[in-house]
Amino acid sequence: MTTRELILRRLRAALGEPRPVPVEVPRHYRPAGSVAGDLDVLVDRLTDYRATVHRCDAAHVAGVVDEVFGGRRVVVPPGLPPQWLPDSVSAVPDENLPPGTIAAVDGVVTAAAVAVAETGTIVLDGAPDQGRRIITLLPDTHVCVLRADQVVGTVPDALARVDPRRPLTWISGPSATSDIELDRVEGVHGPRNLHVIITA
């Protein structure tokens, strides 16, 4: 008898008879629609993650973008509503810009697909008003515009609203990580600064 056979025999003896596989897999987790999207919970989570949250009506989005980026250059996806950009901002449309050009701008302005209140997560799906994933990873500051009706309660609710075949980016605050001593370092895997503009 080989060593392999001996080990396998001992494992089989320890495990006993194989258990029957259940015909139906139990699914006791919360389904979509079980929790309402609470805007205040989302704001609390985002603030806790060190994102800056701005609440305004749709007509004042450009004013907030001006506060964040006035006088600077930002990359924008091709389908971004032009009324979101003030004259003080120099917009660089993403027409397959190379990474070096994207990294050299001061920031990026995008829309969002959906946001999860419970986890404080914003989901981008690469739609024309959100653009390629790379434009939200290289610039140092990301301004994301989110409508209040895009806020859902849980992750299952968010998954019900997006197409899983699209390139989904899940954002929970600015990019951050911690070393073994738990020292927080921001900007390692994406923007150091996240501004979320929530409109009515």
C-alpha atoms as a PDB file:
ATOM      1  CA  MET A   1       0.000   0.000   0.000  1.00  0.00           C
ATOM      2  CA  THR A   2       1.355   3.410  -0.947  1.00  0.00           C
ATOM      3  CA  THR A   3       1.477   6.385   1.412  1.00  0.00           C
ATOM      4  CA  ARG A   4      -1.204   8.107  -0.671  1.00  0.00           C
ATOM      5  CA  GLU A   5      -3.567   5.147  -0.353  1.00  0.00           C
ATOM      6  CA  LEU A   6      -2.922   4.945   3.400  1.00  0.00           C
ATOM      7  CA  ILE A   7      -3.746   8.626   3.885  1.00  0.00           C
ATOM      8  CA  LEU A   8      -6.910   8.394   1.789  1.00  0.00           C
ATOM      9  CA  ARG A   9      -8.065   5.293   3.713  1.00  0.00           C
ATOM     10  CA  ARG A  10      -7.570   7.074   7.026  1.00  0.00           C
ATOM     11  CA  LEU A  11      -9.460  10.138   5.738  1.00  0.00           C
ATOM     12  CA  ARG A  12     -12.379   7.973   4.604  1.00  0.00           C
ATOM     13  CA  ALA A  13     -12.473   6.202   7.969  1.00  0.00           C
ATOM     14  CA  ALA A  14     -12.445   9.548   9.839  1.00  0.00           C
ATOM     15  CA  LEU A  15     -15.159  11.071   7.675  1.00  0.00           C
ATOM     16  CA  GLY A  16     -17.468   8.061   7.777  1.00  0.00           C
ATOM     17  CA  GLU A  17     -20.241   7.537   5.302  1.00  0.00           C
ATOM     18  CA  PRO A  18     -20.791  10.414   2.842  1.00  0.00           C
ATOM     19  CA  ARG A  19     -23.768  12.627   3.668  1.00  0.00           C
ATOM     20  CA  PRO A  20     -26.534  12.956   1.104  1.00  0.00           C
ATOM     21  CA  VAL A  21     -26.479  16.183  -0.867  1.00  0.00           C
ATOM     22  CA  PRO A  22     -29.638  18.255  -0.213  1.00  0.00           C
ATOM     23  CA  VAL A  23     -31.914  18.502  -3.227  1.00  0.00           C
ATOM     24  CA  GLU A  24     -32.782  22.107  -2.429  1.00  0.00           C
ATOM     25  CA  VAL A  25     -30.129  24.553  -1.269  1.00  0.00           C
ATOM     26  CA  PRO A  26     -31.418  26.587   1.696  1.00  0.00           C
ATOM     27  CA  ARG A  27     -31.528  30.299   0.923  1.00  0.00           C
ATOM     28  CA  HIS A  28     -32.263  32.131   4.159  1.00  0.00           C
ATOM     29  CA  TYR A  29     -30.555  35.388   3.212  1.00  0.00           C
ATOM     30  CA  ARG A  30     -32.594  38.525   2.663  1.00  0.00           C
ATOM     31  CA  PRO A  31     -34.029  38.815  -0.848  1.00  0.00           C
ATOM     32  CA  ALA A  32     -34.162  41.986  -2.901  1.00  0.00           C
ATOM     33  CA  GLY A  33     -36.851  44.365  -1.692  1.00  0.00           C
ATOM     34  CA  SER A  34     -36.639  43.312   1.972  1.00  0.00           C
ATOM     35  CA  VAL A  35     -35.067  46.614   3.104  1.00  0.00           C
ATOM     36  CA  ALA A  36     -35.905  50.080   1.801  1.00  0.00           C
ATOM     37  CA  GLY A  37     -33.127  52.344   0.540  1.00  0.00           C
ATOM     38  CA  ASP A  38     -32.461  54.835   3.334  1.00  0.00           C
ATOM     39  CA  LEU A  39     -30.626  57.934   2.120  1.00  0.00           C
ATOM     40  CA  ASP A  40     -29.549  58.941   5.643  1.00  0.00           C
ATOM     41  CA  VAL A  41     -27.974  55.514   6.212  1.00  0.00           C
ATOM     42  CA  LEU A  42     -26.055  55.841   2.937  1.00  0.00           C
ATOM     43  CA  VAL A  43     -24.786  59.295   3.915  1.00  0.00           C
ATOM     44  CA  ASP A  44     -23.720  57.976   7.345  1.00  0.00           C
ATOM     45  CA  ARG A  45     -21.802  55.087   5.792  1.00  0.00           C
ATOM     46  CA  LEU A  46     -20.104  57.256   3.155  1.00  0.00           C
ATOM     47  CA  THR A  47     -19.094  59.819   5.780  1.00  0.00           C
ATOM     48  CA  ASP A  48     -17.762  57.050   8.014  1.00  0.00           C
ATOM     49  CA  TYR A  49     -15.638  55.853   5.075  1.00  0.00           C
ATOM     50  CA  ARG A  50     -14.206  59.422   4.787  1.00  0.00           C
ATOM     51  CA  ALA A  51     -16.056  60.380   1.631  1.00  0.00           C
ATOM     52  CA  THR A  52     -17.387  63.938   1.367  1.00  0.00           C
ATOM     53  CA  VAL A  53     -21.134  64.049   0.743  1.00  0.00           C
ATOM     54  CA  HIS A  54     -22.905  67.021  -0.857  1.00  0.00           C
ATOM     55  CA  ARG A  55     -26.702  67.138  -1.011  1.00  0.00           C
ATOM     56  CA  CYS A  56     -28.331  69.489  -3.481  1.00  0.00           C
ATOM     57  CA  ASP A  57     -30.919  69.652  -6.228  1.00  0.00           C
ATOM     58  CA  ALA A  58     -29.945  68.781  -9.794  1.00  0.00           C
ATOM     59  CA  ALA A  59     -29.646  72.448 -10.790  1.00  0.00           C
ATOM     60  CA  HIS A  60     -26.771  72.990  -8.322  1.00  0.00           C
ATOM     61  CA  VAL A  61     -24.514  70.060  -9.307  1.00  0.00           C
ATOM     62  CA  ALA A  62     -22.266  72.371 -11.374  1.00  0.00           C
ATOM     63  CA  GLY A  63     -21.823  74.634  -8.349  1.00  0.00           C
ATOM     64  CA  VAL A  64     -20.568  71.750  -6.226  1.00  0.00           C
ATOM     65  CA  VAL A  65     -18.246  70.574  -9.010  1.00  0.00           C
ATOM     66  CA  ASP A  66     -16.924  74.147  -9.147  1.00  0.00           C
ATOM     67  CA  GLU A  67     -16.216  74.052  -5.374  1.00  0.00           C
ATOM     68  CA  VAL A  68     -14.243  70.835  -5.769  1.00  0.00           C
ATOM     69  CA  PHE A  69     -12.496  71.388  -9.114  1.00  0.00           C
ATOM     70  CA  GLY A  70     -12.797  75.093 -10.016  1.00  0.00           C
ATOM     71  CA  GLY A  71      -9.898  76.119 -12.278  1.00  0.00           C
ATOM     72  CA  ARG A  72      -8.626  72.586 -12.751  1.00  0.00           C
ATOM     73  CA  ARG A  73      -8.707  69.825 -15.393  1.00  0.00           C
ATOM     74  CA  VAL A  74     -10.960  66.784 -15.082  1.00  0.00           C
ATOM     75  CA  VAL A  75     -11.547  63.755 -17.254  1.00  0.00           C
ATOM     76  CA  VAL A  76     -15.192  63.103 -18.095  1.00  0.00           C
ATOM     77  CA  PRO A  77     -16.970  60.128 -19.660  1.00  0.00           C
ATOM     78  CA  PRO A  78     -18.535  60.732 -23.087  1.00  0.00           C
ATOM     79  CA  GLY A  79     -22.138  60.662 -21.831  1.00  0.00           C
ATOM     80  CA  LEU A  80     -21.775  62.953 -18.821  1.00  0.00           C
ATOM     81  CA  PRO A  81     -24.540  65.601 -18.781  1.00  0.00           C
ATOM     82  CA  PRO A  82     -22.823  68.865 -19.830  1.00  0.00           C
ATOM     83  CA  GLN A  83     -24.864  70.919 -17.344  1.00  0.00           C
ATOM     84  CA  TRP A  84     -22.930  69.251 -14.506  1.00  0.00           C
ATOM     85  CA  LEU A  85     -19.708  70.998 -15.528  1.00  0.00           C
ATOM     86  CA  PRO A  86     -19.143  74.678 -14.719  1.00  0.00           C
ATOM     87  CA  ASP A  87     -17.183  76.955 -17.055  1.00  0.00           C
ATOM     88  CA  SER A  88     -14.389  77.075 -14.457  1.00  0.00           C
ATOM     89  CA  VAL A  89     -13.531  73.417 -15.071  1.00  0.00           C
ATOM     90  CA  SER A  90     -11.489  72.285 -18.050  1.00  0.00           C
ATOM     91  CA  ALA A  91     -13.111  69.021 -19.203  1.00  0.00           C
ATOM     92  CA  VAL A  92     -10.989  66.379 -20.923  1.00  0.00           C
ATOM     93  CA  PRO A  93     -13.360  63.914 -22.672  1.00  0.00           C
ATOM     94  CA  ASP A  94     -12.304  60.297 -22.408  1.00  0.00           C
ATOM     95  CA  GLU A  95     -11.902  59.174 -25.982  1.00  0.00           C
ATOM     96  CA  ASN A  96      -9.709  56.183 -25.134  1.00  0.00           C
ATOM     97  CA  LEU A  97      -7.169  58.416 -23.415  1.00  0.00           C
ATOM     98  CA  PRO A  98      -3.904  56.697 -22.502  1.00  0.00           C
ATOM     99  CA  PRO A  99      -3.300  55.973 -18.799  1.00  0.00           C
ATOM    100  CA  GLY A 100      -0.629  58.663 -18.473  1.00  0.00           C
ATOM    101  CA  THR A 101      -3.021  61.372 -19.649  1.00  0.00           C
ATOM    102  CA  ILE A 102      -5.744  60.185 -17.268  1.00  0.00           C
ATOM    103  CA  ALA A 103      -3.354  60.090 -14.319  1.00  0.00           C
ATOM    104  CA  ALA A 104      -2.168  63.640 -15.056  1.00  0.00           C
ATOM    105  CA  VAL A 105      -5.589  65.312 -14.675  1.00  0.00           C
ATOM    106  CA  ASP A 106      -6.818  66.627 -11.333  1.00  0.00           C
ATOM    107  CA  GLY A 107      -9.881  64.411 -11.097  1.00  0.00           C
ATOM    108  CA  VAL A 108     -12.876  62.758 -12.700  1.00  0.00           C
ATOM    109  CA  VAL A 109     -16.616  63.452 -12.684  1.00  0.00           C
ATOM    110  CA  THR A 110     -19.052  60.566 -13.288  1.00  0.00           C
ATOM    111  CA  ALA A 111     -22.613  59.480 -12.670  1.00  0.00           C
ATOM    112  CA  ALA A 112     -23.483  56.181 -10.945  1.00  0.00           C
ATOM    113  CA  ALA A 113     -25.664  53.152 -11.657  1.00  0.00           C
ATOM    114  CA  VAL A 114     -26.936  52.447  -8.127  1.00  0.00           C
ATOM    115  CA  ALA A 115     -25.931  52.859  -4.466  1.00  0.00           C
ATOM    116  CA  VAL A 116     -26.385  50.488  -1.512  1.00  0.00           C
ATOM    117  CA  ALA A 117     -27.428  52.234   1.705  1.00  0.00           C
ATOM    118  CA  GLU A 118     -26.613  49.344   4.054  1.00  0.00           C
ATOM    119  CA  THR A 119     -22.983  49.052   2.933  1.00  0.00           C
ATOM    120  CA  GLY A 120     -22.341  52.636   1.803  1.00  0.00           C
ATOM    121  CA  THR A 121     -21.386  51.381  -1.644  1.00  0.00           C
ATOM    122  CA  ILE A 122     -21.724  53.098  -5.011  1.00  0.00           C
ATOM    123  CA  VAL A 123     -21.813  50.907  -8.118  1.00  0.00           C
ATOM    124  CA  LEU A 124     -20.624  52.042 -11.544  1.00  0.00           C
ATOM    125  CA  ASP A 125     -21.447  49.892 -14.567  1.00  0.00           C
ATOM    126  CA  GLY A 126     -19.499  51.519 -17.402  1.00  0.00           C
ATOM    127  CA  ALA A 127     -22.549  53.266 -18.894  1.00  0.00           C
ATOM    128  CA  PRO A 128     -21.842  56.344 -21.080  1.00  0.00           C
ATOM    129  CA  ASP A 129     -22.289  58.729 -18.129  1.00  0.00           C
ATOM    130  CA  GLN A 130     -19.827  56.670 -16.036  1.00  0.00           C
ATOM    131  CA  GLY A 131     -17.218  55.700 -18.601  1.00  0.00           C
ATOM    132  CA  ARG A 132     -14.379  53.235 -18.489  1.00  0.00           C
ATOM    133  CA  ARG A 133     -13.230  51.859 -15.144  1.00  0.00           C
ATOM    134  CA  ILE A 134      -9.731  53.292 -15.614  1.00  0.00           C
ATOM    135  CA  ILE A 135     -10.924  56.911 -15.473  1.00  0.00           C
ATOM    136  CA  THR A 136     -12.222  56.370 -11.921  1.00  0.00           C
ATOM    137  CA  LEU A 137      -9.068  54.632 -10.701  1.00  0.00           C
ATOM    138  CA  LEU A 138      -6.172  56.846 -11.804  1.00  0.00           C
ATOM    139  CA  PRO A 139      -7.142  60.456 -10.917  1.00  0.00           C
ATOM    140  CA  ASP A 140      -6.628  61.557  -7.304  1.00  0.00           C
ATOM    141  CA  THR A 141     -10.192  62.855  -6.810  1.00  0.00           C
ATOM    142  CA  HIS A 142     -13.483  61.337  -7.950  1.00  0.00           C
ATOM    143  CA  VAL A 143     -16.743  63.311  -7.938  1.00  0.00           C
ATOM    144  CA  CYS A 144     -19.702  60.974  -8.373  1.00  0.00           C
ATOM    145  CA  VAL A 145     -23.218  62.293  -8.971  1.00  0.00           C
ATOM    146  CA  LEU A 146     -25.993  60.100  -7.600  1.00  0.00           C
ATOM    147  CA  ARG A 147     -29.759  60.578  -7.751  1.00  0.00           C
ATOM    148  CA  ALA A 148     -31.735  59.833  -4.580  1.00  0.00           C
ATOM    149  CA  ASP A 149     -33.927  57.359  -6.500  1.00  0.00           C
ATOM    150  CA  GLN A 150     -30.821  55.274  -7.277  1.00  0.00           C
ATOM    151  CA  VAL A 151     -30.353  54.393  -3.592  1.00  0.00           C
ATOM    152  CA  VAL A 152     -31.439  50.863  -2.622  1.00  0.00           C
ATOM    153  CA  GLY A 153     -31.357  49.045   0.697  1.00  0.00           C
ATOM    154  CA  THR A 154     -29.145  46.012   0.211  1.00  0.00           C
ATOM    155  CA  VAL A 155     -26.667  44.356  -2.129  1.00  0.00           C
ATOM    156  CA  PRO A 156     -29.359  41.987  -3.550  1.00  0.00           C
ATOM    157  CA  ASP A 157     -31.380  45.098  -4.466  1.00  0.00           C
ATOM    158  CA  ALA A 158     -28.374  46.561  -6.266  1.00  0.00           C
ATOM    159  CA  LEU A 159     -27.699  43.308  -8.118  1.00  0.00           C
ATOM    160  CA  ALA A 160     -31.303  43.278  -9.307  1.00  0.00           C
ATOM    161  CA  ARG A 161     -30.720  46.670 -10.962  1.00  0.00           C
ATOM    162  CA  VAL A 162     -27.450  46.005 -12.780  1.00  0.00           C
ATOM    163  CA  ASP A 163     -26.402  43.761 -15.625  1.00  0.00           C
ATOM    164  CA  PRO A 164     -23.784  41.325 -14.231  1.00  0.00           C
ATOM    165  CA  ARG A 165     -22.168  41.113 -17.674  1.00  0.00           C
ATOM    166  CA  ARG A 166     -21.142  44.770 -17.497  1.00  0.00           C
ATOM    167  CA  PRO A 167     -17.845  45.903 -15.907  1.00  0.00           C
ATOM    168  CA  LEU A 168     -19.067  46.680 -12.380  1.00  0.00           C
ATOM    169  CA  THR A 169     -16.989  48.836 -10.040  1.00  0.00           C
ATOM    170  CA  TRP A 170     -18.066  48.826  -6.365  1.00  0.00           C
ATOM    171  CA  ILE A 171     -16.872  51.876  -4.430  1.00  0.00           C
ATOM    172  CA  SER A 172     -17.101  52.203  -0.651  1.00  0.00           C
ATOM    173  CA  GLY A 173     -15.320  55.465   0.137  1.00  0.00           C
ATOM    174  CA  PRO A 174     -11.912  56.631  -1.028  1.00  0.00           C
ATOM    175  CA  SER A 175      -9.340  53.980  -1.865  1.00  0.00           C
ATOM    176  CA  ALA A 176      -7.658  52.873   1.364  1.00  0.00           C
ATOM    177  CA  THR A 177      -5.695  50.034   2.883  1.00  0.00           C
ATOM    178  CA  SER A 178      -3.920  49.337   6.168  1.00  0.00           C
ATOM    179  CA  ASP A 179      -0.545  47.809   6.885  1.00  0.00           C
ATOM    180  CA  ILE A 180       0.147  45.214   9.577  1.00  0.00           C
ATOM    181  CA  GLU A 181       0.205  47.953  12.239  1.00  0.00           C
ATOM    182  CA  LEU A 182      -3.221  49.164  11.028  1.00  0.00           C
ATOM    183  CA  ASP A 183      -1.869  52.467   9.745  1.00  0.00           C
ATOM    184  CA  ARG A 184      -4.375  53.664   7.139  1.00  0.00           C
ATOM    185  CA  VAL A 185      -2.972  54.622   3.745  1.00  0.00           C
ATOM    186  CA  GLU A 186      -5.269  56.259   1.194  1.00  0.00           C
ATOM    187  CA  GLY A 187      -4.982  56.329  -2.583  1.00  0.00           C
ATOM    188  CA  VAL A 188      -3.252  52.983  -3.068  1.00  0.00           C
ATOM    189  CA  HIS A 189      -5.789  51.386  -5.404  1.00  0.00           C
ATOM    190  CA  GLY A 190      -7.735  54.414  -6.603  1.00  0.00           C
ATOM    191  CA  PRO A 191      -8.652  58.012  -5.718  1.00  0.00           C
ATOM    192  CA  ARG A 192      -7.644  59.363  -2.308  1.00  0.00           C
ATOM    193  CA  ASN A 193     -10.647  61.700  -2.341  1.00  0.00           C
ATOM    194  CA  LEU A 194     -14.258  60.764  -3.060  1.00  0.00           C
ATOM    195  CA  HIS A 195     -16.996  63.390  -3.301  1.00  0.00           C
ATOM    196  CA  VAL A 196     -20.553  62.136  -3.683  1.00  0.00           C
ATOM    197  CA  ILE A 197     -23.178  64.615  -4.888  1.00  0.00           C
ATOM    198  CA  ILE A 198     -26.660  63.347  -4.042  1.00  0.00           C
ATOM    199  CA  THR A 199     -29.467  65.058  -5.930  1.00  0.00           C
ATOM    200  CA  ALA A 200     -33.196  64.985  -5.239  1.00  0.00           C
END
